[in-house]
C-alpha cells in the first residue's frame, strides 16, 4: 500500500517539475537594449524610435528603424538597437513615443522583431497637444453640479 503512494508522489513531483520547466521556457523577459543585442533567445525590449532612420520597403513588408534607451539623458549618445520588423506598419507608428519589440538578434546584428507594440499617448492628449488633467475635469464636473 505504501508503494502506491510513493509511486504516485513521484509521478506528481515529476509532472510538476516538467510543467514548471515548460512554463519558464515560454516566458519572455524584458531586457535592456544592451542585453537584447547580446541575447541568443527571444526577449522583449522597449525603446524610443529614432524617426530619422525609419525605412519601409513595401515589396518585402520590411520596416527598419532604430530604438534607443528611453531613460537616456541624451538621445544622440544613447545606446541604439537596429530593429527589423516584417509586416504591416501599424497605423499609429508615426505618432508613437516608444515601442516594445519582441524578437531576437540575427547574424547581421539587427534585432528581428516578431511582434511590435506601439506606445502612443495620443488618446491622452487634447486637441492642442496638451495632456488632460484629471483634477481640472473633476473641478469642472463639481462646478457643473452646483
N, C-alpha and C. Protein backbone atom coordinates (compact mmCIF):
# COMPACT_ATOMS: atom_id res chain seq x y z
N UNK A 1 0.82 -1.19 0.00
CA UNK A 1 0.00 0.00 0.00
C UNK A 1 0.87 1.27 0.00
N UNK A 2 1.97 1.30 0.74
CA UNK A 2 2.85 2.45 0.77
C UNK A 2 3.55 2.66 -0.57
N UNK A 3 3.82 1.59 -1.28
CA UNK A 3 4.48 1.69 -2.58
C UNK A 3 3.62 2.47 -3.57
N UNK A 4 2.30 2.30 -3.51
CA UNK A 4 1.39 3.04 -4.40
C UNK A 4 1.48 4.55 -4.13
N UNK A 5 1.54 4.93 -2.86
CA UNK A 5 1.63 6.34 -2.50
C UNK A 5 2.98 6.94 -2.93
N UNK A 6 4.03 6.17 -2.76
CA UNK A 6 5.36 6.64 -3.15
C UNK A 6 5.42 6.82 -4.66
N UNK A 7 4.94 5.86 -5.43
CA UNK A 7 4.94 5.96 -6.89
C UNK A 7 4.06 7.12 -7.34
N UNK A 8 2.89 7.26 -6.74
CA UNK A 8 2.00 8.38 -7.07
C UNK A 8 2.64 9.72 -6.77
N UNK A 9 3.32 9.82 -5.62
CA UNK A 9 4.00 11.06 -5.24
C UNK A 9 5.13 11.40 -6.19
N UNK A 10 5.89 10.39 -6.60
CA UNK A 10 6.99 10.61 -7.54
C UNK A 10 6.44 11.09 -8.89
N UNK A 11 5.35 10.49 -9.34
CA UNK A 11 4.74 10.91 -10.61
C UNK A 11 4.27 12.36 -10.53
N UNK A 12 3.65 12.74 -9.42
CA UNK A 12 3.17 14.11 -9.25
C UNK A 12 4.35 15.10 -9.25
N UNK A 13 5.41 14.77 -8.54
CA UNK A 13 6.58 15.65 -8.48
C UNK A 13 7.22 15.79 -9.86
N UNK A 14 7.32 14.70 -10.62
CA UNK A 14 7.89 14.75 -11.96
C UNK A 14 7.06 15.65 -12.86
N UNK A 15 5.73 15.50 -12.82
CA UNK A 15 4.88 16.34 -13.67
C UNK A 15 4.93 17.81 -13.24
N UNK A 16 5.02 18.08 -11.96
CA UNK A 16 5.15 19.47 -11.51
C UNK A 16 6.46 20.09 -11.99
N UNK A 17 7.54 19.34 -11.91
CA UNK A 17 8.84 19.84 -12.38
C UNK A 17 8.81 20.06 -13.88
N UNK A 18 8.24 19.15 -14.62
CA UNK A 18 8.13 19.28 -16.08
C UNK A 18 7.27 20.48 -16.45
N UNK A 19 6.14 20.66 -15.78
CA UNK A 19 5.26 21.80 -16.06
C UNK A 19 5.92 23.13 -15.75
N UNK A 20 6.65 23.20 -14.65
CA UNK A 20 7.34 24.42 -14.27
C UNK A 20 8.44 24.76 -15.29
N UNK A 21 9.19 23.77 -15.72
CA UNK A 21 10.23 23.99 -16.71
C UNK A 21 9.64 24.45 -18.04
N UNK A 22 8.52 23.86 -18.45
CA UNK A 22 7.86 24.25 -19.69
C UNK A 22 7.33 25.69 -19.60
N UNK A 23 6.81 26.06 -18.45
CA UNK A 23 6.29 27.42 -18.25
C UNK A 23 7.41 28.44 -18.37
N UNK A 24 8.54 28.20 -17.73
CA UNK A 24 9.64 29.17 -17.77
C UNK A 24 10.29 29.26 -19.14
N UNK A 25 10.18 28.21 -19.95
CA UNK A 25 10.70 28.28 -21.32
C UNK A 25 9.84 29.19 -22.19
N UNK A 26 8.55 29.30 -21.89
CA UNK A 26 7.64 30.10 -22.72
C UNK A 26 7.58 31.56 -22.30
N UNK A 27 8.10 31.91 -21.14
CA UNK A 27 8.07 33.30 -20.72
C UNK A 27 9.13 34.10 -21.47
N UNK A 28 8.82 35.35 -21.73
CA UNK A 28 9.74 36.22 -22.45
C UNK A 28 10.09 37.38 -21.53
N UNK A 29 11.38 37.58 -21.29
CA UNK A 29 11.84 38.61 -20.37
C UNK A 29 11.93 39.99 -21.04
N UNK A 30 11.68 41.03 -20.22
CA UNK A 30 12.01 42.39 -20.63
C UNK A 30 13.48 42.60 -20.32
N UNK A 31 14.22 43.10 -21.28
CA UNK A 31 15.66 43.33 -21.09
C UNK A 31 16.02 44.71 -21.59
N UNK A 32 17.23 45.13 -21.26
CA UNK A 32 17.74 46.42 -21.74
C UNK A 32 18.17 46.28 -23.19
N UNK A 33 18.47 47.39 -23.81
CA UNK A 33 18.92 47.38 -25.21
C UNK A 33 20.23 46.62 -25.34
N UNK A 34 21.14 46.79 -24.39
CA UNK A 34 22.41 46.07 -24.43
C UNK A 34 22.20 44.56 -24.34
N UNK A 35 21.32 44.15 -23.42
CA UNK A 35 21.04 42.72 -23.25
C UNK A 35 20.33 42.14 -24.47
N UNK A 36 19.45 42.92 -25.09
CA UNK A 36 18.73 42.45 -26.28
C UNK A 36 19.70 42.22 -27.43
N UNK A 37 20.67 43.10 -27.59
CA UNK A 37 21.64 42.96 -28.68
C UNK A 37 22.51 41.73 -28.50
N UNK A 38 22.75 41.32 -27.26
CA UNK A 38 23.63 40.19 -26.98
C UNK A 38 22.88 38.88 -26.74
N UNK A 39 21.57 38.92 -26.75
CA UNK A 39 20.77 37.74 -26.40
C UNK A 39 20.79 36.69 -27.51
N UNK A 40 20.63 35.45 -27.11
CA UNK A 40 20.53 34.38 -28.10
C UNK A 40 19.15 33.71 -28.04
N UNK A 41 18.22 34.33 -27.32
CA UNK A 41 16.86 33.82 -27.25
C UNK A 41 15.87 34.96 -27.41
N UNK A 42 14.61 34.66 -27.53
CA UNK A 42 13.58 35.67 -27.71
C UNK A 42 13.41 36.50 -26.44
N UNK A 43 13.45 37.82 -26.61
CA UNK A 43 13.31 38.75 -25.49
C UNK A 43 12.42 39.92 -25.93
N UNK A 44 12.01 40.73 -24.94
CA UNK A 44 11.27 41.95 -25.21
C UNK A 44 12.12 43.13 -24.78
N UNK A 45 12.08 44.18 -25.57
CA UNK A 45 12.84 45.39 -25.24
C UNK A 45 12.01 46.61 -25.60
N UNK A 46 12.09 47.63 -24.76
CA UNK A 46 11.37 48.87 -25.01
C UNK A 46 12.37 49.97 -25.35
N UNK A 47 12.00 50.84 -26.26
CA UNK A 47 12.85 51.96 -26.60
C UNK A 47 12.09 53.04 -27.35
N UNK A 48 12.71 54.19 -27.43
CA UNK A 48 12.15 55.29 -28.22
C UNK A 48 12.61 55.13 -29.66
N UNK A 49 11.76 55.52 -30.59
CA UNK A 49 12.03 55.37 -32.01
C UNK A 49 12.77 56.60 -32.52
N UNK A 50 13.83 56.36 -33.29
CA UNK A 50 14.53 57.44 -33.98
C UNK A 50 13.90 57.55 -35.37
N UNK A 51 13.01 58.50 -35.55
CA UNK A 51 12.26 58.62 -36.80
C UNK A 51 13.12 59.09 -37.97
N UNK A 52 14.33 59.56 -37.70
CA UNK A 52 15.23 60.00 -38.78
C UNK A 52 15.78 58.83 -39.60
N UNK A 53 15.72 57.62 -39.06
CA UNK A 53 16.31 56.47 -39.75
C UNK A 53 15.28 55.39 -40.08
N UNK A 54 14.01 55.73 -40.08
CA UNK A 54 12.96 54.75 -40.40
C UNK A 54 12.90 54.53 -41.90
N UNK A 55 12.91 53.25 -42.30
CA UNK A 55 12.78 52.88 -43.72
C UNK A 55 11.74 51.77 -43.83
N UNK A 56 10.87 51.87 -44.85
CA UNK A 56 9.88 50.82 -45.07
C UNK A 56 9.93 50.39 -46.52
N UNK A 57 10.09 49.10 -46.75
CA UNK A 57 10.10 48.52 -48.08
C UNK A 57 8.76 47.82 -48.28
N UNK A 58 7.90 48.39 -49.11
CA UNK A 58 6.56 47.84 -49.31
C UNK A 58 6.58 46.46 -49.97
N UNK A 59 7.51 46.24 -50.88
CA UNK A 59 7.57 44.96 -51.58
C UNK A 59 7.86 43.80 -50.63
N UNK A 60 8.75 44.01 -49.68
CA UNK A 60 9.11 42.97 -48.72
C UNK A 60 8.34 43.08 -47.41
N UNK A 61 7.52 44.14 -47.26
CA UNK A 61 6.85 44.45 -45.99
C UNK A 61 7.88 44.47 -44.86
N UNK A 62 8.97 45.18 -45.11
CA UNK A 62 10.09 45.23 -44.18
C UNK A 62 10.23 46.64 -43.62
N UNK A 63 10.07 46.75 -42.32
CA UNK A 63 10.22 48.03 -41.63
C UNK A 63 11.54 48.00 -40.85
N UNK A 64 12.40 48.97 -41.12
CA UNK A 64 13.68 49.08 -40.42
C UNK A 64 13.70 50.40 -39.67
N UNK A 65 14.12 50.34 -38.41
CA UNK A 65 14.24 51.55 -37.61
C UNK A 65 15.20 51.29 -36.46
N UNK A 66 15.55 52.34 -35.74
CA UNK A 66 16.42 52.23 -34.58
C UNK A 66 15.65 52.66 -33.35
N UNK A 67 15.93 51.98 -32.25
CA UNK A 67 15.40 52.42 -30.97
C UNK A 67 16.57 52.74 -30.05
N UNK A 68 16.30 53.58 -29.07
CA UNK A 68 17.32 53.92 -28.09
C UNK A 68 16.68 53.95 -26.71
N UNK A 69 17.51 53.93 -25.70
CA UNK A 69 17.07 53.86 -24.31
C UNK A 69 16.19 55.06 -23.96
N UNK A 70 14.94 54.82 -23.51
CA UNK A 70 14.06 55.93 -23.16
C UNK A 70 14.52 56.71 -21.93
N UNK A 71 15.39 56.13 -21.13
CA UNK A 71 15.89 56.79 -19.92
C UNK A 71 17.18 57.58 -20.19
N UNK A 72 17.67 57.53 -21.41
CA UNK A 72 18.94 58.19 -21.72
C UNK A 72 18.81 59.70 -21.60
N UNK A 73 19.85 60.31 -21.06
CA UNK A 73 19.87 61.77 -20.90
C UNK A 73 19.99 62.46 -22.26
N UNK A 74 20.77 61.87 -23.17
CA UNK A 74 20.98 62.46 -24.48
C UNK A 74 20.72 61.40 -25.55
N UNK A 75 19.74 61.63 -26.40
CA UNK A 75 19.38 60.65 -27.43
C UNK A 75 20.52 60.42 -28.42
N UNK A 76 21.33 61.43 -28.66
CA UNK A 76 22.41 61.31 -29.65
C UNK A 76 23.50 60.34 -29.19
N UNK A 77 23.74 60.26 -27.90
CA UNK A 77 24.80 59.38 -27.40
C UNK A 77 24.27 58.09 -26.78
N UNK A 78 22.96 57.90 -26.79
CA UNK A 78 22.36 56.71 -26.18
C UNK A 78 22.68 55.46 -26.99
N UNK A 79 22.74 54.33 -26.31
CA UNK A 79 22.94 53.03 -26.96
C UNK A 79 21.74 52.76 -27.85
N UNK A 80 21.99 52.28 -29.08
CA UNK A 80 20.92 52.07 -30.06
C UNK A 80 20.85 50.62 -30.48
N UNK A 81 19.67 50.26 -30.98
CA UNK A 81 19.44 48.90 -31.46
C UNK A 81 18.73 48.99 -32.80
N UNK A 82 19.33 48.39 -33.85
CA UNK A 82 18.69 48.32 -35.16
C UNK A 82 17.59 47.26 -35.09
N UNK A 83 16.38 47.63 -35.49
CA UNK A 83 15.24 46.72 -35.45
C UNK A 83 14.72 46.50 -36.86
N UNK A 84 14.42 45.24 -37.17
CA UNK A 84 13.79 44.88 -38.44
C UNK A 84 12.48 44.18 -38.11
N UNK A 85 11.40 44.66 -38.71
CA UNK A 85 10.07 44.08 -38.48
C UNK A 85 9.43 43.78 -39.82
N UNK A 86 8.98 42.56 -40.00
CA UNK A 86 8.30 42.17 -41.24
C UNK A 86 6.80 42.16 -40.97
N UNK A 87 6.07 42.94 -41.75
CA UNK A 87 4.63 43.01 -41.59
C UNK A 87 4.13 44.40 -41.92
N UNK A 88 2.86 44.59 -41.69
CA UNK A 88 2.22 45.87 -41.96
C UNK A 88 2.62 46.86 -40.87
N UNK A 89 2.93 48.07 -41.28
CA UNK A 89 3.28 49.12 -40.33
C UNK A 89 2.00 49.52 -39.59
N UNK A 90 2.03 49.52 -38.26
CA UNK A 90 0.84 49.93 -37.50
C UNK A 90 0.43 51.35 -37.88
N UNK A 91 -0.85 51.61 -37.89
CA UNK A 91 -1.37 52.90 -38.32
C UNK A 91 -0.89 54.08 -37.51
N UNK A 92 -0.60 53.87 -36.24
CA UNK A 92 -0.16 54.97 -35.38
C UNK A 92 1.35 54.97 -35.13
N UNK A 93 2.09 54.30 -35.99
CA UNK A 93 3.55 54.22 -35.81
C UNK A 93 4.20 55.60 -35.83
N UNK A 94 3.74 56.48 -36.71
CA UNK A 94 4.36 57.80 -36.82
C UNK A 94 4.05 58.71 -35.63
N UNK A 95 3.09 58.33 -34.79
CA UNK A 95 2.74 59.12 -33.61
C UNK A 95 3.31 58.52 -32.33
N UNK A 96 4.01 57.41 -32.45
CA UNK A 96 4.48 56.67 -31.28
C UNK A 96 5.53 57.44 -30.50
N UNK A 97 5.47 57.30 -29.20
CA UNK A 97 6.52 57.85 -28.34
C UNK A 97 7.57 56.79 -28.06
N UNK A 98 7.14 55.54 -27.99
CA UNK A 98 8.06 54.44 -27.78
C UNK A 98 7.43 53.17 -28.34
N UNK A 99 8.22 52.10 -28.34
CA UNK A 99 7.77 50.84 -28.91
C UNK A 99 8.34 49.70 -28.07
N UNK A 100 7.57 48.62 -27.97
CA UNK A 100 8.06 47.38 -27.36
C UNK A 100 8.15 46.36 -28.47
N UNK A 101 9.33 45.80 -28.67
CA UNK A 101 9.52 44.79 -29.71
C UNK A 101 9.91 43.47 -29.05
N UNK A 102 9.38 42.40 -29.62
CA UNK A 102 9.65 41.05 -29.12
C UNK A 102 10.31 40.27 -30.24
N UNK A 103 11.49 39.75 -30.00
CA UNK A 103 12.21 39.01 -31.02
C UNK A 103 13.60 38.64 -30.54
N UNK A 104 14.53 38.46 -31.49
CA UNK A 104 15.91 38.15 -31.13
C UNK A 104 16.84 38.63 -32.23
N UNK A 105 18.10 38.81 -31.89
CA UNK A 105 19.07 39.29 -32.87
C UNK A 105 19.35 38.25 -33.95
N UNK A 106 19.67 38.75 -35.15
CA UNK A 106 20.07 37.84 -36.22
C UNK A 106 21.59 37.85 -36.37
N UNK A 107 22.10 37.14 -37.35
CA UNK A 107 23.55 37.04 -37.53
C UNK A 107 24.17 38.33 -38.07
N UNK A 108 23.35 39.27 -38.55
CA UNK A 108 23.85 40.53 -39.10
C UNK A 108 23.88 41.65 -38.07
N UNK A 109 23.48 41.37 -36.84
CA UNK A 109 23.50 42.38 -35.79
C UNK A 109 22.22 43.16 -35.64
N UNK A 110 21.20 42.85 -36.43
CA UNK A 110 19.90 43.52 -36.29
C UNK A 110 19.00 42.70 -35.37
N UNK A 111 18.11 43.38 -34.70
CA UNK A 111 17.12 42.73 -33.85
C UNK A 111 15.88 42.49 -34.70
N UNK A 112 15.55 41.24 -34.96
CA UNK A 112 14.39 40.89 -35.79
C UNK A 112 13.19 40.72 -34.87
N UNK A 113 12.23 41.60 -35.02
CA UNK A 113 11.05 41.61 -34.16
C UNK A 113 9.94 40.77 -34.76
N UNK A 114 9.41 39.85 -33.96
CA UNK A 114 8.26 39.05 -34.36
C UNK A 114 6.97 39.80 -34.07
N UNK A 115 6.99 40.57 -32.98
CA UNK A 115 5.82 41.34 -32.57
C UNK A 115 6.25 42.75 -32.19
N UNK A 116 5.33 43.70 -32.38
CA UNK A 116 5.63 45.09 -32.07
C UNK A 116 4.40 45.72 -31.43
N UNK A 117 4.61 46.39 -30.31
CA UNK A 117 3.54 47.09 -29.61
C UNK A 117 3.90 48.56 -29.56
N UNK A 118 3.04 49.39 -30.12
CA UNK A 118 3.27 50.83 -30.20
C UNK A 118 2.73 51.50 -28.94
N UNK A 119 3.54 52.36 -28.34
CA UNK A 119 3.11 53.16 -27.20
C UNK A 119 2.83 54.56 -27.71
N UNK A 120 1.56 54.95 -27.69
CA UNK A 120 1.17 56.24 -28.27
C UNK A 120 0.31 57.00 -27.27
N UNK A 121 0.69 58.22 -26.90
CA UNK A 121 -0.08 58.98 -25.92
C UNK A 121 -1.23 59.77 -26.51
N UNK A 122 -1.52 59.62 -27.79
CA UNK A 122 -2.48 60.50 -28.45
C UNK A 122 -3.85 60.47 -27.80
N UNK A 123 -4.27 59.35 -27.24
CA UNK A 123 -5.59 59.31 -26.63
C UNK A 123 -5.63 60.06 -25.31
N UNK A 124 -4.47 60.44 -24.78
CA UNK A 124 -4.42 61.19 -23.54
C UNK A 124 -4.16 62.68 -23.78
N UNK A 125 -4.09 63.10 -25.02
CA UNK A 125 -3.80 64.49 -25.33
C UNK A 125 -5.06 65.21 -25.78
N UNK A 126 -5.08 66.51 -25.52
CA UNK A 126 -6.15 67.35 -26.02
C UNK A 126 -5.88 67.71 -27.47
N UNK A 127 -6.75 68.52 -28.05
CA UNK A 127 -6.61 68.88 -29.46
C UNK A 127 -5.34 69.68 -29.73
N UNK A 128 -4.90 70.48 -28.77
CA UNK A 128 -3.71 71.30 -28.96
C UNK A 128 -2.43 70.58 -28.60
N UNK A 129 -2.50 69.30 -28.25
CA UNK A 129 -1.31 68.54 -27.90
C UNK A 129 -1.05 68.49 -26.41
N UNK A 130 -1.84 69.26 -25.62
CA UNK A 130 -1.60 69.25 -24.18
C UNK A 130 -2.25 68.01 -23.56
N UNK A 131 -1.69 67.58 -22.44
CA UNK A 131 -2.22 66.41 -21.74
C UNK A 131 -3.42 66.82 -20.91
N UNK A 132 -4.36 65.91 -20.78
CA UNK A 132 -5.54 66.19 -19.98
C UNK A 132 -5.20 66.09 -18.50
N UNK A 133 -5.78 66.97 -17.73
CA UNK A 133 -5.57 66.99 -16.29
C UNK A 133 -6.85 66.51 -15.62
N UNK A 134 -6.76 65.39 -14.91
CA UNK A 134 -7.93 64.81 -14.25
C UNK A 134 -8.51 65.70 -13.18
N UNK A 135 -7.68 66.47 -12.48
CA UNK A 135 -8.20 67.35 -11.43
C UNK A 135 -9.03 68.48 -12.02
N UNK A 136 -8.62 68.99 -13.17
CA UNK A 136 -9.41 70.03 -13.82
C UNK A 136 -10.76 69.47 -14.25
N UNK A 137 -10.77 68.25 -14.71
CA UNK A 137 -12.04 67.61 -15.09
C UNK A 137 -12.95 67.48 -13.87
N UNK A 138 -12.39 67.01 -12.77
CA UNK A 138 -13.19 66.83 -11.55
C UNK A 138 -13.72 68.18 -11.06
N UNK A 139 -12.91 69.23 -11.13
CA UNK A 139 -13.35 70.57 -10.70
C UNK A 139 -14.47 71.07 -11.60
N UNK A 140 -14.34 70.85 -12.90
CA UNK A 140 -15.37 71.28 -13.84
C UNK A 140 -16.68 70.53 -13.61
N UNK A 141 -16.57 69.25 -13.33
CA UNK A 141 -17.77 68.45 -13.09
C UNK A 141 -18.45 68.87 -11.79
N UNK A 142 -17.64 69.21 -10.76
CA UNK A 142 -18.19 69.68 -9.49
C UNK A 142 -18.88 71.01 -9.64
N UNK A 143 -18.31 71.90 -10.46
CA UNK A 143 -18.91 73.22 -10.71
C UNK A 143 -20.20 73.07 -11.50
N UNK A 144 -20.26 72.10 -12.39
CA UNK A 144 -21.46 71.91 -13.21
C UNK A 144 -22.62 71.39 -12.37
N UNK A 145 -22.31 70.59 -11.34
CA UNK A 145 -23.35 70.04 -10.49
C UNK A 145 -23.91 71.07 -9.53
N UNK A 146 -23.14 72.08 -9.20
CA UNK A 146 -23.58 73.09 -8.20
C UNK A 146 -24.59 74.04 -8.73
